[in-house]
PDB file of N, CA and C in Angstrom:
ATOM      1  N   MET A   1      30.787  52.522  59.927  1.00  0.00           N
ATOM      2  CA  MET A   1      31.824  52.084  60.827  1.00  0.00           C
ATOM      3  C   MET A   1      33.171  51.992  60.122  1.00  0.00           C
ATOM      4  N   ALA A   2      33.178  51.690  58.852  1.00  0.00           N
ATOM      5  CA  ALA A   2      34.435  51.560  58.117  1.00  0.00           C
ATOM      6  C   ALA A   2      35.174  52.891  58.031  1.00  0.00           C
ATOM      7  N   SER A   3      34.444  54.000  57.870  1.00  0.00           N
ATOM      8  CA  SER A   3      35.107  55.297  57.778  1.00  0.00           C
ATOM      9  C   SER A   3      35.757  55.674  59.104  1.00  0.00           C
ATOM     10  N   TYR A   4      35.144  55.283  60.220  1.00  0.00           N
ATOM     11  CA  TYR A   4      35.731  55.559  61.528  1.00  0.00           C
ATOM     12  C   TYR A   4      37.044  54.790  61.691  1.00  0.00           C
ATOM     13  N   THR A   5      37.060  53.550  61.274  1.00  0.00           N
ATOM     14  CA  THR A   5      38.267  52.741  61.371  1.00  0.00           C
ATOM     15  C   THR A   5      39.363  53.305  60.479  1.00  0.00           C
ATOM     16  N   LYS A   6      39.009  53.729  59.280  1.00  0.00           N
ATOM     17  CA  LYS A   6      40.000  54.294  58.363  1.00  0.00           C
ATOM     18  C   LYS A   6      40.566  55.592  58.932  1.00  0.00           C
ATOM     19  N   ALA A   7      39.713  56.415  59.531  1.00  0.00           N
ATOM     20  CA  ALA A   7      40.190  57.662  60.126  1.00  0.00           C
ATOM     21  C   ALA A   7      41.138  57.378  61.287  1.00  0.00           C
ATOM     22  N   ALA A   8      40.829  56.372  62.072  1.00  0.00           N
ATOM     23  CA  ALA A   8      41.702  56.023  63.190  1.00  0.00           C
ATOM     24  C   ALA A   8      43.045  55.506  62.686  1.00  0.00           C
ATOM     25  N   GLN A   9      43.038  54.719  61.624  1.00  0.00           N
ATOM     26  CA  GLN A   9      44.285  54.219  61.062  1.00  0.00           C
ATOM     27  C   GLN A   9      45.118  55.358  60.476  1.00  0.00           C
ATOM     28  N   GLN A  10      44.462  56.313  59.827  1.00  0.00           N
ATOM     29  CA  GLN A  10      45.192  57.433  59.251  1.00  0.00           C
ATOM     30  C   GLN A  10      45.797  58.290  60.355  1.00  0.00           C
ATOM     31  N   TRP A  11      45.058  58.511  61.430  1.00  0.00           N
ATOM     32  CA  TRP A  11      45.581  59.286  62.544  1.00  0.00           C
ATOM     33  C   TRP A  11      46.797  58.591  63.141  1.00  0.00           C
ATOM     34  N   ALA A  12      46.732  57.288  63.290  1.00  0.00           N
ATOM     35  CA  ALA A  12      47.851  56.542  63.861  1.00  0.00           C
ATOM     36  C   ALA A  12      49.074  56.587  62.946  1.00  0.00           C
ATOM     37  N   THR A  13      48.862  56.698  61.653  1.00  0.00           N
ATOM     38  CA  THR A  13      49.982  56.758  60.712  1.00  0.00           C
ATOM     39  C   THR A  13      50.742  58.070  60.845  1.00  0.00           C
ATOM     40  N   PHE A  14      50.041  59.170  61.023  1.00  0.00           N
ATOM     41  CA  PHE A  14      50.679  60.485  61.072  1.00  0.00           C
ATOM     42  C   PHE A  14      51.005  60.954  62.484  1.00  0.00           C
ATOM     43  N   ALA A  15      50.574  60.226  63.489  1.00  0.00           N
ATOM     44  CA  ALA A  15      50.801  60.646  64.874  1.00  0.00           C
ATOM     45  C   ALA A  15      52.271  60.478  65.253  1.00  0.00           C
ATOM     46  N   ARG A  16      52.722  61.368  66.118  1.00  0.00           N
ATOM     47  CA  ARG A  16      54.072  61.230  66.651  1.00  0.00           C
ATOM     48  C   ARG A  16      54.060  60.129  67.707  1.00  0.00           C
ATOM     49  N   ALA A  17      55.106  59.356  67.726  1.00  0.00           N
ATOM     50  CA  ALA A  17      55.187  58.250  68.673  1.00  0.00           C
ATOM     51  C   ALA A  17      56.469  58.373  69.495  1.00  0.00           C
ATOM     52  N   TRP A  18      56.418  57.834  70.696  1.00  0.00           N
ATOM     53  CA  TRP A  18      57.581  57.779  71.565  1.00  0.00           C
ATOM     54  C   TRP A  18      58.043  56.332  71.632  1.00  0.00           C
ATOM     55  N   TYR A  19      59.335  56.109  71.457  1.00  0.00           N
ATOM     56  CA  TYR A  19      59.910  54.770  71.524  1.00  0.00           C
ATOM     57  C   TYR A  19      61.007  54.758  72.576  1.00  0.00           C
ATOM     58  N   LEU A  20      61.019  53.725  73.388  1.00  0.00           N
ATOM     59  CA  LEU A  20      62.065  53.512  74.378  1.00  0.00           C
ATOM     60  C   LEU A  20      62.863  52.297  73.930  1.00  0.00           C
ATOM     61  N   LEU A  21      64.101  52.515  73.564  1.00  0.00           N
ATOM     62  CA  LEU A  21      64.950  51.461  73.025  1.00  0.00           C
ATOM     63  C   LEU A  21      65.966  51.054  74.080  1.00  0.00           C
ATOM     64  N   ASP A  22      65.891  49.815  74.529  1.00  0.00           N
ATOM     65  CA  ASP A  22      66.820  49.305  75.530  1.00  0.00           C
ATOM     66  C   ASP A  22      68.081  48.811  74.824  1.00  0.00           C
ATOM     67  N   ALA A  23      69.180  49.504  75.018  1.00  0.00           N
ATOM     68  CA  ALA A  23      70.422  49.192  74.314  1.00  0.00           C
ATOM     69  C   ALA A  23      71.366  48.316  75.132  1.00  0.00           C
ATOM     70  N   LYS A  24      70.903  47.844  76.255  1.00  0.00           N
ATOM     71  CA  LYS A  24      71.761  47.035  77.108  1.00  0.00           C
ATOM     72  C   LYS A  24      72.046  45.680  76.456  1.00  0.00           C
ATOM     73  N   MET A  25      73.307  45.309  76.403  1.00  0.00           N
ATOM     74  CA  MET A  25      73.752  44.018  75.865  1.00  0.00           C
ATOM     75  C   MET A  25      73.420  43.844  74.381  1.00  0.00           C
ATOM     76  N   GLN A  26      73.357  44.934  73.632  1.00  0.00           N
ATOM     77  CA  GLN A  26      73.084  44.877  72.197  1.00  0.00           C
ATOM     78  C   GLN A  26      74.311  45.381  71.441  1.00  0.00           C
ATOM     79  N   PRO A  27      74.595  44.811  70.292  1.00  0.00           N
ATOM     80  CA  PRO A  27      75.724  45.309  69.499  1.00  0.00           C
ATOM     81  C   PRO A  27      75.439  46.714  68.967  1.00  0.00           C
ATOM     82  N   PRO A  28      76.441  47.590  68.948  1.00  0.00           N
ATOM     83  CA  PRO A  28      76.227  48.971  68.501  1.00  0.00           C
ATOM     84  C   PRO A  28      75.685  49.083  67.081  1.00  0.00           C
ATOM     85  N   GLY A  29      76.082  48.188  66.195  1.00  0.00           N
ATOM     86  CA  GLY A  29      75.591  48.243  64.818  1.00  0.00           C
ATOM     87  C   GLY A  29      74.094  48.004  64.728  1.00  0.00           C
ATOM     88  N   LYS A  30      73.591  47.071  65.511  1.00  0.00           N
ATOM     89  CA  LYS A  30      72.156  46.780  65.510  1.00  0.00           C
ATOM     90  C   LYS A  30      71.370  47.948  66.097  1.00  0.00           C
ATOM     91  N   ILE A  31      71.880  48.529  67.169  1.00  0.00           N
ATOM     92  CA  ILE A  31      71.223  49.688  67.778  1.00  0.00           C
ATOM     93  C   ILE A  31      71.196  50.847  66.788  1.00  0.00           C
ATOM     94  N   ALA A  32      72.289  51.055  66.064  1.00  0.00           N
ATOM     95  CA  ALA A  32      72.342  52.133  65.078  1.00  0.00           C
ATOM     96  C   ALA A  32      71.328  51.910  63.965  1.00  0.00           C
ATOM     97  N   ALA A  33      71.202  50.679  63.493  1.00  0.00           N
ATOM     98  CA  ALA A  33      70.258  50.379  62.413  1.00  0.00           C
ATOM     99  C   ALA A  33      68.817  50.608  62.851  1.00  0.00           C
ATOM    100  N   VAL A  34      68.479  50.157  64.041  1.00  0.00           N
ATOM    101  CA  VAL A  34      67.116  50.340  64.556  1.00  0.00           C
ATOM    102  C   VAL A  34      66.833  51.820  64.786  1.00  0.00           C
ATOM    103  N   THR A  35      67.823  52.536  65.321  1.00  0.00           N
ATOM    104  CA  THR A  35      67.653  53.963  65.593  1.00  0.00           C
ATOM    105  C   THR A  35      67.411  54.746  64.307  1.00  0.00           C
ATOM    106  N   VAL A  36      68.200  54.489  63.286  1.00  0.00           N
ATOM    107  CA  VAL A  36      68.044  55.199  62.012  1.00  0.00           C
ATOM    108  C   VAL A  36      66.686  54.905  61.396  1.00  0.00           C
ATOM    109  N   ARG A  37      66.266  53.650  61.439  1.00  0.00           N
ATOM    110  CA  ARG A  37      64.974  53.264  60.861  1.00  0.00           C
ATOM    111  C   ARG A  37      63.826  54.016  61.538  1.00  0.00           C
ATOM    112  N   ARG A  38      63.864  54.115  62.861  1.00  0.00           N
ATOM    113  CA  ARG A  38      62.796  54.808  63.596  1.00  0.00           C
ATOM    114  C   ARG A  38      62.847  56.318  63.378  1.00  0.00           C
ATOM    115  N   LEU A  39      64.037  56.905  63.416  1.00  0.00           N
ATOM    116  CA  LEU A  39      64.138  58.356  63.296  1.00  0.00           C
ATOM    117  C   LEU A  39      63.840  58.859  61.890  1.00  0.00           C
ATOM    118  N   GLU A  40      64.137  58.068  60.879  1.00  0.00           N
ATOM    119  CA  GLU A  40      63.826  58.471  59.506  1.00  0.00           C
ATOM    120  C   GLU A  40      62.383  58.172  59.126  1.00  0.00           C
ATOM    121  N   GLY A  41      61.685  57.384  59.927  1.00  0.00           N
ATOM    122  CA  GLY A  41      60.288  57.075  59.633  1.00  0.00           C
ATOM    123  C   GLY A  41      60.107  55.938  58.655  1.00  0.00           C
ATOM    124  N   ARG A  42      61.142  55.126  58.448  1.00  0.00           N
ATOM    125  CA  ARG A  42      61.054  54.029  57.482  1.00  0.00           C
ATOM    126  C   ARG A  42      60.123  52.912  57.933  1.00  0.00           C
ATOM    127  N   HIS A  43      59.716  52.902  59.195  1.00  0.00           N
ATOM    128  CA  HIS A  43      58.829  51.859  59.697  1.00  0.00           C
ATOM    129  C   HIS A  43      57.359  52.174  59.422  1.00  0.00           C
ATOM    130  N   LYS A  44      57.075  53.379  58.935  1.00  0.00           N
ATOM    131  CA  LYS A  44      55.691  53.781  58.678  1.00  0.00           C
ATOM    132  C   LYS A  44      55.283  53.447  57.245  1.00  0.00           C
ATOM    133  N   PRO A  45      54.008  53.152  57.034  1.00  0.00           N
ATOM    134  CA  PRO A  45      53.565  52.760  55.690  1.00  0.00           C
ATOM    135  C   PRO A  45      53.602  53.893  54.669  1.00  0.00           C
ATOM    136  N   ILE A  46      53.703  55.144  55.099  1.00  0.00           N
ATOM    137  CA  ILE A  46      53.688  56.270  54.164  1.00  0.00           C
ATOM    138  C   ILE A  46      55.087  56.718  53.761  1.00  0.00           C
ATOM    139  N   TYR A  47      56.112  56.021  54.229  1.00  0.00           N
ATOM    140  CA  TYR A  47      57.492  56.418  53.928  1.00  0.00           C
ATOM    141  C   TYR A  47      57.810  56.204  52.453  1.00  0.00           C
ATOM    142  N   HIS A  48      58.463  57.198  51.886  1.00  0.00           N
ATOM    143  CA  HIS A  48      59.009  57.066  50.541  1.00  0.00           C
ATOM    144  C   HIS A  48      60.323  57.829  50.525  1.00  0.00           C
ATOM    145  N   ALA A  49      61.340  57.245  49.964  1.00  0.00           N
ATOM    146  CA  ALA A  49      62.684  57.821  50.016  1.00  0.00           C
ATOM    147  C   ALA A  49      62.791  59.167  49.303  1.00  0.00           C
ATOM    148  N   LEU A  50      61.980  59.404  48.285  1.00  0.00           N
ATOM    149  CA  LEU A  50      62.095  60.625  47.492  1.00  0.00           C
ATOM    150  C   LEU A  50      61.111  61.720  47.881  1.00  0.00           C
ATOM    151  N   SER A  51      60.267  61.478  48.864  1.00  0.00           N
ATOM    152  CA  SER A  51      59.289  62.497  49.244  1.00  0.00           C
ATOM    153  C   SER A  51      59.470  62.895  50.703  1.00  0.00           C
ATOM    154  N   ASP A  52      59.107  64.123  50.998  1.00  0.00           N
ATOM    155  CA  ASP A  52      59.170  64.635  52.360  1.00  0.00           C
ATOM    156  C   ASP A  52      57.772  64.526  52.957  1.00  0.00           C
ATOM    157  N   THR A  53      57.496  63.438  53.639  1.00  0.00           N
ATOM    158  CA  THR A  53      56.158  63.203  54.189  1.00  0.00           C
ATOM    159  C   THR A  53      56.048  63.639  55.639  1.00  0.00           C
ATOM    160  N   MET A  54      57.116  64.177  56.197  1.00  0.00           N
ATOM    161  CA  MET A  54      57.133  64.609  57.592  1.00  0.00           C
ATOM    162  C   MET A  54      56.801  63.460  58.536  1.00  0.00           C
ATOM    163  N   CYS A  55      57.155  62.259  58.158  1.00  0.00           N
ATOM    164  CA  CYS A  55      56.881  61.114  59.019  1.00  0.00           C
ATOM    165  C   CYS A  55      58.065  60.817  59.931  1.00  0.00           C
ATOM    166  N   ASP A  56      59.075  61.676  59.904  1.00  0.00           N
ATOM    167  CA  ASP A  56      60.250  61.452  60.740  1.00  0.00           C
ATOM    168  C   ASP A  56      60.209  62.299  62.013  1.00  0.00           C
ATOM    169  N   LEU A  57      59.036  62.480  62.573  1.00  0.00           N
ATOM    170  CA  LEU A  57      58.885  63.330  63.742  1.00  0.00           C
ATOM    171  C   LEU A  57      58.719  62.536  65.032  1.00  0.00           C
ATOM    172  N   ASP A  58      59.049  61.263  65.012  1.00  0.00           N
ATOM    173  CA  ASP A  58      58.924  60.439  66.203  1.00  0.00           C
ATOM    174  C   ASP A  58      60.045  60.761  67.184  1.00  0.00           C
ATOM    175  N   HIS A  59      59.845  60.338  68.412  1.00  0.00           N
ATOM    176  CA  HIS A  59      60.823  60.559  69.471  1.00  0.00           C
ATOM    177  C   HIS A  59      61.401  59.209  69.876  1.00  0.00           C
ATOM    178  N   LEU A  60      62.693  59.169  70.108  1.00  0.00           N
ATOM    179  CA  LEU A  60      63.367  57.930  70.472  1.00  0.00           C
ATOM    180  C   LEU A  60      64.256  58.191  71.673  1.00  0.00           C
ATOM    181  N   ILE A  61      64.096  57.367  72.705  1.00  0.00           N
ATOM    182  CA  ILE A  61      64.897  57.490  73.919  1.00  0.00           C
ATOM    183  C   ILE A  61      65.734  56.231  74.056  1.00  0.00           C
ATOM    184  N   ILE A  62      67.043  56.409  74.192  1.00  0.00           N
ATOM    185  CA  ILE A  62      67.952  55.284  74.389  1.00  0.00           C
ATOM    186  C   ILE A  62      68.646  55.491  75.732  1.00  0.00           C
ATOM    187  N   PRO A  63      68.200  54.783  76.765  1.00  0.00           N
ATOM    188  CA  PRO A  63      68.827  54.974  78.090  1.00  0.00           C
ATOM    189  C   PRO A  63      70.176  54.293  78.192  1.00  0.00           C
TER     190      PRO A  63
END
C-alpha cells in the first residue's frame, strides 16, 4: 500500500494544475507575487532555482 501512496504523491507533484485566482479587492503587488510563485512552480516540492524541472507548466486564470 505504501508504494501506491508514493506513486500517487509523485503523480500529483508532476501533474499540471489549474488555478483560479480572484484578484478582486487585492493589491496589485500581492497578486503579482502569487502569480509569479504559481507560474514559476515555486510552490511545488521539486522546485529548485538552478534546475529545469519542468514544474512551471501549471495554468493560472485571473478573471
